[in-house]
Protein backbone atom coordinates (compact mmCIF):
# COMPACT_ATOMS: atom_id res chain seq x y z
CA MET A 1 257.01 1.57 -163.93
CA LYS A 2 254.71 1.89 -166.98
CA GLN A 3 253.70 -1.76 -166.62
CA TYR A 4 252.84 -1.16 -162.93
CA ILE A 5 250.64 1.81 -163.81
CA LEU A 6 248.80 -0.22 -166.47
CA ILE A 7 248.21 -3.06 -164.02
CA LEU A 8 246.96 -0.61 -161.39
CA PHE A 9 244.57 0.97 -163.93
CA ALA A 10 243.30 -2.47 -164.95
CA GLY A 11 242.63 -3.23 -161.32
CA LEU A 12 240.71 -0.02 -160.82
CA CYS A 13 238.47 -0.99 -163.75
CA GLY A 14 237.06 -3.76 -161.62
CA PHE A 15 235.29 -1.09 -159.59
CA THR A 16 232.47 1.33 -160.36
CA PHE A 17 235.10 3.93 -161.22
CA CYS A 18 235.70 2.16 -164.55
CA HIS A 19 232.04 2.37 -165.54
CA LEU A 20 232.02 6.07 -164.66
CA LEU A 21 235.11 6.64 -166.78
CA GLN A 22 233.60 4.80 -169.76
CA ALA A 23 230.40 6.84 -169.50
CA GLN A 24 232.44 10.03 -169.64
CA VAL A 25 234.51 9.16 -172.69
CA GLN A 26 232.12 7.02 -174.72
CA PRO A 27 230.60 9.11 -177.53
CA GLU A 28 226.82 9.52 -177.58
CA THR A 29 224.92 7.44 -180.12
CA PHE A 30 224.18 9.30 -183.32
CA VAL A 31 220.51 10.25 -183.63
CA VAL A 32 218.80 11.12 -186.90
CA GLY A 33 219.39 14.82 -187.53
CA ASP A 34 222.51 15.26 -185.43
CA ALA A 35 225.19 17.50 -186.91
CA LEU A 36 228.19 15.83 -188.55
CA PRO A 37 231.65 17.40 -188.13
CA ASP A 38 231.30 19.09 -191.54
CA ALA A 39 227.72 20.35 -191.01
CA PRO A 40 227.06 23.92 -192.21
CA GLU A 41 226.66 26.67 -189.63
CA LEU A 42 222.87 26.70 -189.31
CA SER A 43 222.47 22.90 -189.21
CA PRO A 44 222.78 22.16 -185.47
CA ARG A 45 219.68 22.10 -183.32
CA GLY A 46 218.56 25.30 -181.64
CA THR A 47 218.24 26.22 -177.98
CA TYR A 48 214.67 25.04 -177.31
CA ALA A 49 213.85 21.66 -175.82
CA VAL A 50 211.40 19.84 -178.08
CA GLY A 51 208.08 18.27 -177.19
CA VAL A 52 206.03 16.03 -179.48
CA GLN A 53 202.37 15.04 -179.48
CA THR A 54 200.02 13.21 -181.83
CA VAL A 55 196.59 14.52 -182.78
CA THR A 56 193.95 13.21 -185.17
CA PHE A 57 191.63 15.35 -187.26
CA VAL A 58 188.65 14.20 -189.32
CA ASN A 59 187.72 16.04 -192.51
CA LYS A 60 184.06 15.17 -192.89
CA GLY A 61 182.09 14.74 -196.10
CA GLN A 62 184.98 14.37 -198.54
CA VAL A 63 184.71 12.76 -201.97
CA ASP A 64 185.62 9.08 -201.68
CA ILE A 65 187.42 9.03 -204.99
CA LEU A 66 188.51 5.39 -204.62
CA LYS A 67 184.84 4.35 -204.70
CA SER A 68 183.64 6.92 -207.22
CA LYS A 69 182.15 5.88 -210.53
CA GLU A 70 180.91 7.93 -213.46
CA GLY A 71 177.96 9.96 -212.24
CA SER A 72 178.45 8.89 -208.60
CA GLU A 73 180.80 10.41 -206.02
CA PRO A 74 180.12 8.96 -202.56
CA LYS A 75 181.38 10.86 -199.51
CA TYR A 76 183.34 9.73 -196.47
CA ASP A 77 184.91 11.15 -193.33
CA ARG A 78 188.66 11.38 -193.92
CA PRO A 79 190.90 10.90 -190.83
CA LEU A 80 194.31 12.57 -190.73
CA LYS A 81 196.87 11.76 -188.05
CA VAL A 82 199.27 14.64 -187.39
CA GLU A 83 202.51 14.68 -185.41
CA ILE A 84 203.34 18.03 -183.81
CA TRP A 85 206.78 19.09 -182.58
CA TYR A 86 207.03 22.29 -180.54
CA PRO A 87 209.26 24.29 -178.18
CA ALA A 88 208.85 22.71 -174.75
CA THR A 89 209.63 23.25 -171.09
CA LEU A 90 211.27 20.23 -169.49
CA PRO A 91 212.00 19.34 -165.87
CA GLY A 92 215.69 18.93 -165.15
CA ALA A 93 215.62 15.13 -164.99
CA ALA A 94 213.54 14.59 -168.14
CA THR A 95 215.07 12.49 -170.89
CA LYS A 96 215.32 14.21 -174.26
CA LEU A 97 214.96 11.09 -176.38
CA VAL A 98 211.82 9.65 -177.91
CA SER A 99 211.11 6.43 -179.81
CA TYR A 100 209.14 6.73 -183.04
CA GLU A 101 207.17 3.80 -184.42
CA SER A 102 207.25 3.44 -188.20
CA VAL A 103 207.14 0.68 -190.80
CA LEU A 104 208.91 -0.51 -193.91
CA GLY A 105 207.11 -2.04 -196.87
CA ARG A 106 203.84 -1.36 -198.68
CA SER A 107 200.36 -2.37 -197.58
CA ASN A 108 199.32 -3.04 -201.20
CA ASP A 109 202.36 -5.08 -202.27
CA PRO A 110 202.68 -8.71 -201.04
CA LYS A 111 206.33 -8.69 -202.08
CA ARG A 112 207.02 -5.85 -199.64
CA PRO A 113 205.25 -6.81 -196.40
CA ILE A 114 204.76 -4.33 -193.60
CA ILE A 115 207.68 -4.53 -191.14
CA PRO A 116 207.42 -2.40 -187.97
CA PHE A 117 210.52 -0.69 -186.66
CA ASN A 118 211.44 1.94 -184.08
CA PHE A 119 214.00 4.72 -184.27
CA THR A 120 215.17 7.38 -181.86
CA GLY A 121 214.61 11.12 -181.97
CA ARG A 122 215.49 14.07 -179.77
CA ALA A 123 212.16 15.11 -178.28
CA VAL A 124 209.99 14.37 -175.25
CA ARG A 125 206.55 12.83 -175.69
CA ASP A 126 203.73 15.05 -174.34
CA ALA A 127 206.11 17.59 -172.80
CA ALA A 128 204.70 20.86 -171.48
CA PRO A 129 204.81 23.58 -174.15
CA ASN A 130 206.98 26.66 -173.73
CA THR A 131 204.47 29.41 -173.01
CA LYS A 132 206.82 32.12 -171.78
CA ASP A 133 208.26 33.16 -175.16
CA GLY A 134 205.02 34.04 -176.94
CA THR A 135 203.76 32.41 -180.13
CA PHE A 136 205.88 30.57 -182.68
CA PRO A 137 205.54 30.39 -186.49
CA LEU A 138 203.75 27.33 -187.84
CA VAL A 139 205.28 24.86 -190.32
CA ILE A 140 203.21 22.12 -192.00
CA VAL A 141 205.01 19.14 -193.57
CA SER A 142 203.61 16.86 -196.30
CA HIS A 143 205.31 13.53 -197.11
CA GLY A 144 205.72 11.65 -200.40
CA TYR A 145 203.79 8.72 -201.91
CA PRO A 146 204.11 6.57 -199.95
CA GLY A 147 205.49 8.03 -196.76
CA SER A 148 204.60 8.96 -193.21
CA ARG A 149 204.62 11.83 -190.77
CA TYR A 150 207.97 10.51 -189.48
CA LEU A 151 209.81 10.64 -192.80
CA LEU A 152 211.58 13.96 -192.12
CA THR A 153 212.12 13.94 -188.35
CA TYR A 154 215.69 15.24 -188.80
CA LEU A 155 214.08 18.46 -190.04
CA THR A 156 210.87 18.61 -187.98
CA GLU A 157 212.73 18.27 -184.67
CA ASN A 158 215.42 20.69 -185.82
CA LEU A 159 212.94 23.43 -186.68
CA ALA A 160 211.03 22.97 -183.42
CA SER A 161 214.29 23.43 -181.50
CA LYS A 162 214.69 26.77 -183.29
CA GLY A 163 211.32 28.14 -182.29
CA TYR A 164 208.73 26.75 -184.71
CA VAL A 165 205.63 24.63 -184.20
CA VAL A 166 205.96 21.87 -186.81
CA ALA A 167 203.06 19.64 -187.87
CA ALA A 168 203.64 16.63 -190.15
CA ILE A 169 200.61 14.93 -191.71
CA ASP A 170 199.93 11.23 -192.27
CA HIS A 171 197.99 11.53 -195.54
CA THR A 172 195.29 8.87 -195.51
CA GLU A 173 195.58 6.31 -198.36
CA SER A 174 199.10 7.57 -199.03
CA THR A 175 201.10 6.07 -196.14
CA TYR A 176 203.00 2.79 -196.03
CA GLN A 177 200.29 1.21 -193.90
CA ASP A 178 197.21 2.21 -195.94
CA LEU A 179 198.61 2.76 -199.44
CA SER A 180 195.77 2.91 -201.96
CA GLY A 181 195.01 4.22 -205.43
CA PHE A 182 197.06 7.17 -206.67
CA GLN A 183 193.92 9.16 -207.50
CA SER A 184 193.34 9.72 -203.77
CA THR A 185 196.75 11.37 -203.42
CA LEU A 186 196.19 13.50 -206.53
CA LEU A 187 192.88 14.81 -205.23
CA ASN A 188 193.43 15.04 -201.51
CA ARG A 189 196.99 16.23 -201.04
CA PRO A 190 196.37 20.01 -201.25
CA LYS A 191 192.97 19.67 -199.57
CA ASP A 192 194.53 17.84 -196.61
CA ILE A 193 197.12 20.58 -196.16
CA LEU A 194 194.56 23.40 -196.13
CA PHE A 195 192.26 21.47 -193.79
CA VAL A 196 195.07 20.81 -191.30
CA LEU A 197 196.13 24.46 -191.44
CA ASN A 198 192.60 25.52 -190.53
CA GLN A 199 192.37 22.96 -187.72
CA LEU A 200 195.68 24.05 -186.23
CA ALA A 201 194.68 27.70 -186.50
CA GLU A 202 191.52 26.94 -184.51
CA LEU A 203 193.38 25.00 -181.80
CA SER A 204 196.02 27.73 -181.52
CA LYS A 205 193.60 30.48 -180.55
CA PRO A 206 194.49 32.06 -177.18
CA LYS A 207 192.76 31.06 -173.96
CA GLY A 208 191.84 27.60 -175.19
CA LYS A 209 192.46 24.32 -173.40
CA HIS A 210 194.49 22.59 -176.13
CA PHE A 211 198.28 22.43 -175.73
CA LEU A 212 198.59 24.54 -178.91
CA SER A 213 196.49 27.36 -177.50
CA GLY A 214 198.53 30.56 -177.74
CA LEU A 215 201.55 28.56 -178.92
CA ALA A 216 201.38 28.50 -182.74
CA ASP A 217 200.88 31.54 -184.96
CA ALA A 218 198.93 30.20 -187.94
CA SER A 219 198.93 33.65 -189.55
CA ASN A 220 202.68 33.13 -190.07
CA THR A 221 202.89 29.71 -191.75
CA ALA A 222 205.33 27.88 -194.02
CA LEU A 223 204.62 24.68 -195.97
CA ILE A 224 207.21 21.97 -196.64
CA GLY A 225 206.47 19.16 -199.11
CA TYR A 226 208.44 16.26 -200.54
CA SER A 227 207.61 14.68 -203.92
CA MET A 228 203.79 14.38 -203.83
CA GLY A 229 203.98 16.66 -200.83
CA GLY A 230 205.73 19.17 -203.11
CA TYR A 231 202.92 18.68 -205.63
CA GLY A 232 200.51 19.58 -202.83
CA VAL A 233 202.23 22.58 -201.23
CA LEU A 234 202.88 24.30 -204.56
CA ASN A 235 199.20 24.04 -205.43
CA VAL A 236 198.13 25.39 -202.04
CA ALA A 237 200.48 28.34 -202.52
CA GLY A 238 199.13 29.36 -205.93
CA ALA A 239 200.37 27.01 -208.66
CA GLY A 240 197.03 25.90 -210.09
CA TYR A 241 196.90 22.54 -211.84
CA SER A 242 196.45 22.34 -215.60
CA SER A 243 193.49 21.07 -217.64
CA GLN A 244 195.76 18.18 -218.63
CA LEU A 245 195.63 16.97 -215.03
CA THR A 246 191.84 17.00 -215.23
CA THR A 247 191.99 14.75 -218.29
CA PHE A 248 194.57 12.47 -216.66
CA PHE A 249 192.50 12.27 -213.47
CA THR A 250 189.21 11.69 -215.28
CA ASN A 251 190.69 8.80 -217.26
CA MET A 252 192.12 7.31 -214.09
CA THR A 253 188.87 7.51 -212.13
CA GLY A 254 186.44 6.53 -214.85
CA GLY A 255 184.85 9.92 -215.24
CA SER A 256 185.30 11.96 -212.05
CA LYS A 257 186.28 15.60 -212.49
CA ALA A 258 186.63 16.29 -208.76
CA ILE A 259 190.19 17.56 -209.30
CA GLU A 260 188.88 20.57 -211.25
CA VAL A 261 188.47 22.51 -207.99
CA ARG A 262 192.29 22.75 -207.74
CA THR A 263 192.96 23.86 -211.34
CA SER A 264 194.07 27.37 -212.21
CA GLN A 265 190.80 28.26 -213.99
CA SER A 266 188.54 27.24 -211.09
CA PRO A 267 186.83 30.10 -209.21
CA GLU A 268 186.89 27.91 -206.10
CA TYR A 269 190.65 27.48 -206.45
CA LYS A 270 191.26 31.19 -206.89
CA ALA A 271 189.21 31.87 -203.78
CA SER A 272 191.30 29.40 -201.74
CA MET A 273 194.50 31.46 -201.83
CA ASP A 274 195.64 31.89 -198.24
CA SER A 275 197.53 34.95 -197.04
CA ARG A 276 198.67 33.10 -193.91
CA ILE A 277 201.20 31.16 -195.99
CA LYS A 278 204.46 33.12 -196.11
CA ALA A 279 206.98 30.63 -197.54
CA ILE A 280 207.21 27.27 -199.33
CA VAL A 281 209.92 24.60 -199.35
CA ALA A 282 209.41 22.07 -202.15
CA PHE A 283 211.66 18.99 -202.17
CA ALA A 284 211.66 17.24 -205.57
CA PRO A 285 208.03 18.19 -206.38
CA TRP A 286 206.35 15.69 -208.69
CA GLY A 287 204.20 16.35 -211.75
CA MET A 288 205.79 18.67 -214.30
CA GLU A 289 206.85 15.88 -216.66
CA ARG A 290 203.24 14.63 -216.62
CA GLY A 291 201.79 18.00 -217.59
CA ILE A 292 200.41 18.71 -214.13
CA TRP A 293 201.31 22.38 -214.52
CA ASP A 294 201.43 24.73 -217.48
CA SER A 295 202.73 28.27 -217.86
CA GLU A 296 199.50 29.85 -216.62
CA GLY A 297 199.33 27.69 -213.54
CA LEU A 298 202.93 28.30 -212.51
CA GLN A 299 202.51 32.04 -212.90
CA GLY A 300 200.03 31.90 -210.06
CA LEU A 301 202.80 31.00 -207.59
CA LYS A 302 203.77 34.26 -205.89
CA THR A 303 204.84 32.97 -202.48
CA PRO A 304 208.61 32.91 -201.82
CA THR A 305 209.71 29.35 -202.60
CA PHE A 306 212.84 27.28 -201.97
CA PHE A 307 213.15 24.28 -204.30
CA ILE A 308 215.52 21.40 -203.51
CA ALA A 309 216.35 18.88 -206.25
CA GLY A 310 218.73 16.20 -207.43
CA SER A 311 220.21 16.78 -210.89
CA GLN A 312 219.59 13.10 -211.75
CA ASP A 313 216.06 12.84 -210.33
CA ASP A 314 214.44 9.92 -212.14
CA VAL A 315 211.05 10.20 -210.38
CA SER A 316 210.08 13.86 -210.64
CA GLY A 317 212.62 14.62 -213.36
CA TYR A 318 215.08 17.48 -213.31
CA GLU A 319 215.44 19.55 -216.52
CA LYS A 320 211.83 18.92 -217.59
CA GLY A 321 210.70 18.37 -214.03
CA VAL A 322 211.73 20.32 -210.94
CA LYS A 323 213.90 22.82 -212.81
CA ALA A 324 211.07 23.51 -215.26
CA ILE A 325 208.76 24.30 -212.32
CA TYR A 326 211.42 26.60 -210.88
CA THR A 327 211.94 28.35 -214.23
CA GLY A 328 208.23 28.75 -214.90
CA SER A 329 207.36 30.23 -211.50
CA VAL A 330 208.21 33.70 -212.79
CA ASN A 331 206.12 35.63 -210.25
CA ALA A 332 207.77 34.15 -207.16
CA ASP A 333 211.02 35.07 -205.48
CA ARG A 334 212.59 31.63 -205.66
CA TYR A 335 215.72 29.64 -204.99
CA MET A 336 216.75 26.15 -206.05
CA LEU A 337 219.40 24.09 -204.26
CA VAL A 338 220.70 21.32 -206.51
CA TYR A 339 222.49 18.20 -205.30
CA VAL A 340 224.63 17.34 -208.31
CA ASN A 341 224.24 13.68 -209.34
CA ALA A 342 221.58 13.01 -206.68
CA ARG A 343 218.36 11.31 -207.69
CA HIS A 344 215.00 11.72 -205.95
CA ASN A 345 215.73 11.11 -202.25
CA VAL A 346 216.95 14.58 -201.33
CA ALA A 347 214.49 14.96 -198.43
CA PRO A 348 214.03 11.92 -196.15
CA ASN A 349 215.76 10.61 -193.05
CA PRO A 350 218.74 8.28 -193.60
CA PRO A 351 217.95 4.60 -194.28
CA PRO A 352 216.78 2.97 -191.04
CA ALA A 353 219.16 0.43 -189.50
CA GLN A 354 216.58 -2.25 -190.26
CA THR A 355 217.16 -1.82 -194.00
CA LEU A 356 220.70 -3.15 -193.47
CA GLN A 357 219.62 -6.44 -191.94
CA PRO A 358 220.19 -9.73 -193.83
CA GLY A 359 217.34 -10.58 -196.14
CA MET A 360 216.09 -7.01 -196.46
CA THR A 361 215.57 -5.99 -200.09
CA MET A 362 217.29 -3.10 -201.80
CA ASP A 363 213.84 -1.57 -202.37
CA GLU A 364 213.49 -0.69 -198.70
CA TYR A 365 217.03 0.73 -198.48
CA TYR A 366 216.66 2.79 -201.65
CA HIS A 367 213.41 4.30 -200.50
CA TYR A 368 215.71 6.48 -198.35
CA ALA A 369 219.25 6.25 -199.71
CA GLU A 370 221.01 8.25 -202.40
CA PRO A 371 223.57 6.50 -204.65
CA ALA A 372 226.00 9.44 -204.87
CA TRP A 373 225.42 11.21 -201.55
CA ASN A 374 225.56 10.49 -197.82
CA GLU A 375 221.99 10.99 -196.59
CA ARG A 376 223.16 12.38 -193.23
CA ARG A 377 225.15 14.97 -195.10
CA ILE A 378 222.08 15.88 -197.16
CA ASN A 379 220.07 16.19 -193.94
CA ASN A 380 222.55 18.67 -192.46
CA ILE A 381 222.65 20.78 -195.61
CA ASN A 382 218.85 20.83 -195.77
CA GLN A 383 218.68 21.91 -192.13
CA HIS A 384 221.05 24.77 -192.88
CA PHE A 385 219.22 26.15 -195.91
CA VAL A 386 215.69 25.63 -194.61
CA THR A 387 216.69 27.39 -191.37
CA ALA A 388 218.02 30.33 -193.39
CA PHE A 389 215.03 30.54 -195.75
CA LEU A 390 212.32 30.22 -193.10
CA GLY A 391 214.27 32.47 -190.75
CA ILE A 392 214.16 35.23 -193.35
CA HIS A 393 210.47 34.91 -194.19
CA LEU A 394 208.89 33.86 -190.89
CA LYS A 395 211.20 35.36 -188.28
CA LYS A 396 212.74 38.32 -190.14
CA GLN A 397 216.20 37.04 -189.25
CA ASP A 398 219.30 38.38 -190.98
CA PHE A 399 220.19 35.17 -192.82
CA GLN A 400 220.37 36.49 -196.37
CA LYS A 401 224.12 35.97 -196.59
CA TYR A 402 223.62 32.20 -196.37
CA LEU A 403 221.65 32.31 -199.64
CA GLN A 404 224.45 34.09 -201.51
CA PRO A 405 227.12 31.50 -202.35
CA GLU A 406 230.63 32.42 -203.38
CA SER A 407 231.12 32.72 -207.14
CA ASP A 408 234.76 31.73 -206.59
CA THR A 409 234.57 27.94 -206.39
CA THR A 410 237.84 27.78 -204.43
CA LYS A 411 236.14 29.50 -201.47
CA PRO A 412 233.54 27.90 -199.21
CA TRP A 413 229.98 29.20 -199.28
CA PRO A 414 228.88 31.35 -196.33
CA GLY A 415 228.29 29.07 -193.36
CA PHE A 416 230.19 26.12 -194.87
CA LYS A 417 233.49 24.81 -193.56
CA PRO A 418 236.50 24.89 -195.93
CA ARG A 419 236.39 22.30 -198.74
CA THR A 420 232.77 21.28 -198.01
CA SER A 421 230.61 23.37 -200.38
CA VAL A 422 231.16 20.99 -203.27
CA GLY A 423 228.63 19.07 -205.33
CA LEU A 424 226.05 21.80 -204.83
CA GLU A 425 224.47 24.52 -206.95
CA LEU A 426 222.25 27.33 -205.71
CA LEU A 427 220.08 29.23 -208.18
CA HIS A 428 218.05 32.37 -207.52
CA ASP A 429 215.54 34.34 -209.56
CA SER A 430 213.49 37.36 -208.53
CA PRO A 431 209.87 37.79 -209.63
CA VAL A 432 209.31 39.53 -212.96
CA LYS A 433 208.12 43.12 -212.75
């Protein structure tokens, strides 16, 4: 009897019925940012459909530091491509997947040629924005050196699905495709972030014709930065650079002191503090081990800040690097999530499938991967904590419990499934009075 039933079922599979059955039971392909079975409570995507569009801004008349010489600082118009994710309204039949175009390699390294690749996200290109739920807080994302606006799509899409407008910058001369001298990144990173904030604020004004009009609330903004992006967002938020950076920069550029405008003693820097910025997330911010900040500069950071670091970071450093920034930022209400035994890659998407192909070097794989951690797991944990932190400061949501881990190590942290809050530390310090 059993054999007859199996034969009958096999016969049925010759018809369309079999294909229908397979479609019902076959699991959906994993997409960057999807929640794993052990993902913390706030990790999964929110209720909003997500749209995505690309815009380009041009910051005119900027110092062309790569062509500067002692006594001469030529100017150029600096283009910045920005990817924007936002809550969207979709027709019933619309697909919710998008293909992103990125590259591996380095434009300035013949040993690491540029290799284009595509990967899938959960968004709809040029979808109509959701205009019925009012304005949404703005989040600006700054990548590392090198990087791209697509380096953290697991997080940018996730936040958009939870009711944020999220803008990720391609920093000119700092991406895989146009990688140039480091002095450009040192000078332009915070300036790019402020310029983009101002451009988005202008486009978001009500009654305009841009898709952002009436959609983003630039007066309620958070900044997220990874590595050199962390270097940038901390400076924008109040951590003025040290005089040692001026010396370092001047030696690198053959005499230019253009970086002085972002140092803690600069009147121009002090005047640039922006009350629209309500919260900062700094992944593995670079610079402390190089003397980029001193005690005075770090005391200028007063914006609530969430640091995320690996305890074995060998790029930004940990004890004398990220943790030293955290410790020295005495006037900010601040947290630091530590991935124990992780190195520097505590922020990006998982390694693209292309990095696993035969002949691909370890360099491309390890631009994304962590030796002691599953990158998808890191992504989920980051989604959870960034959702909690930004929810508190930009949406006034009651998420404080998620930032108060259990002192009893046998119990899971709030929002974590049993046995999963291991390998993590969460520090918190209030501002001095």
